[in-house]
Amino acid sequence: MEKERKLRILAGKMGLDCHDNGILAISNLLKERGYEVVYLGLHNSARKIVNSAMQEDVDVIGLSFLCGT
């Protein structure tokens, strides 16, 4: 019987906002539920997120950003 692959999720903050409590809480909850989470941290560009998603071979991208940044 083949073991089911865990869903891989990329999470990170876009723009200049430094408030990451929300995305960290969601990332930790997902980890507790058995998902594999790759957390990029703060101040990511769209290019970095896309490149990281392709490099990490993720299934889902979760972003947090402040409107206007």
Protein backbone atom coordinates (compact mmCIF):
# COMPACT_ATOMS: atom_id res chain seq x y z
CA MET A 1 0.00 0.00 0.00
CA GLU A 2 1.41 3.36 -1.07
CA LYS A 3 1.71 6.10 1.56
CA GLU A 4 -0.21 9.25 0.62
CA ARG A 5 1.99 12.28 -0.04
CA LYS A 6 1.52 15.19 2.36
CA LEU A 7 0.18 18.39 0.86
CA ARG A 8 3.04 20.93 0.59
CA ILE A 9 2.16 24.55 1.28
CA LEU A 10 4.32 27.63 0.70
CA ALA A 11 3.49 30.50 3.06
CA GLY A 12 4.91 33.99 3.26
CA LYS A 13 4.42 37.73 3.49
CA MET A 14 4.52 40.08 0.52
CA GLY A 15 5.50 43.72 0.56
CA LEU A 16 6.91 45.80 3.38
CA ASP A 17 4.48 44.94 6.18
CA CYS A 18 6.23 43.37 9.20
CA HIS A 19 3.17 41.93 10.95
CA ASP A 20 3.41 38.18 10.48
CA ASN A 21 1.35 36.87 13.43
CA GLY A 22 -1.53 35.77 11.20
CA ILE A 23 0.48 33.85 8.60
CA LEU A 24 2.60 32.27 11.35
CA ALA A 25 -0.52 31.14 13.23
CA ILE A 26 -1.99 29.60 10.08
CA SER A 27 1.34 27.96 9.18
CA ASN A 28 1.65 26.43 12.65
CA LEU A 29 -1.95 25.19 12.59
CA LEU A 30 -1.38 23.55 9.20
CA LYS A 31 1.79 21.86 10.49
CA GLU A 32 -0.12 20.56 13.52
CA ARG A 33 -2.72 19.11 11.13
CA GLY A 34 -0.07 17.18 9.23
CA TYR A 35 0.63 19.46 6.29
CA GLU A 36 4.16 20.23 5.20
CA VAL A 37 4.69 24.02 5.32
CA VAL A 38 7.55 25.96 3.75
CA TYR A 39 7.57 29.40 5.42
CA LEU A 40 9.40 32.15 3.50
CA GLY A 41 9.15 34.85 6.13
CA LEU A 42 8.76 38.59 5.54
CA HIS A 43 9.30 41.01 2.64
CA ASN A 44 8.94 38.67 -0.35
CA SER A 45 8.50 39.76 -3.94
CA ALA A 46 6.15 38.00 -6.32
CA ARG A 47 9.19 36.71 -8.22
CA LYS A 48 10.71 35.16 -5.08
CA ILE A 49 7.41 33.50 -4.18
CA VAL A 50 6.96 32.01 -7.66
CA ASN A 51 10.58 30.83 -7.82
CA SER A 52 10.36 29.30 -4.35
CA ALA A 53 7.06 27.58 -5.17
CA MET A 54 8.59 25.96 -8.24
CA GLN A 55 11.81 25.01 -6.44
CA GLU A 56 9.96 23.54 -3.43
CA ASP A 57 7.37 21.78 -5.64
CA VAL A 58 4.45 22.99 -3.50
CA ASP A 59 0.77 22.27 -4.06
CA VAL A 60 -0.62 25.46 -2.49
CA ILE A 61 0.63 29.03 -2.00
CA GLY A 62 -0.63 30.98 1.01
CA LEU A 63 0.10 34.71 1.07
CA SER A 64 -0.43 37.47 3.56
CA PHE A 65 -0.09 41.11 2.60
CA LEU A 66 -1.23 44.55 3.64
CA CYS A 67 -3.39 46.30 1.03
CA GLY A 68 -1.45 49.07 -0.61
CA THR A 69 2.02 47.58 -0.23
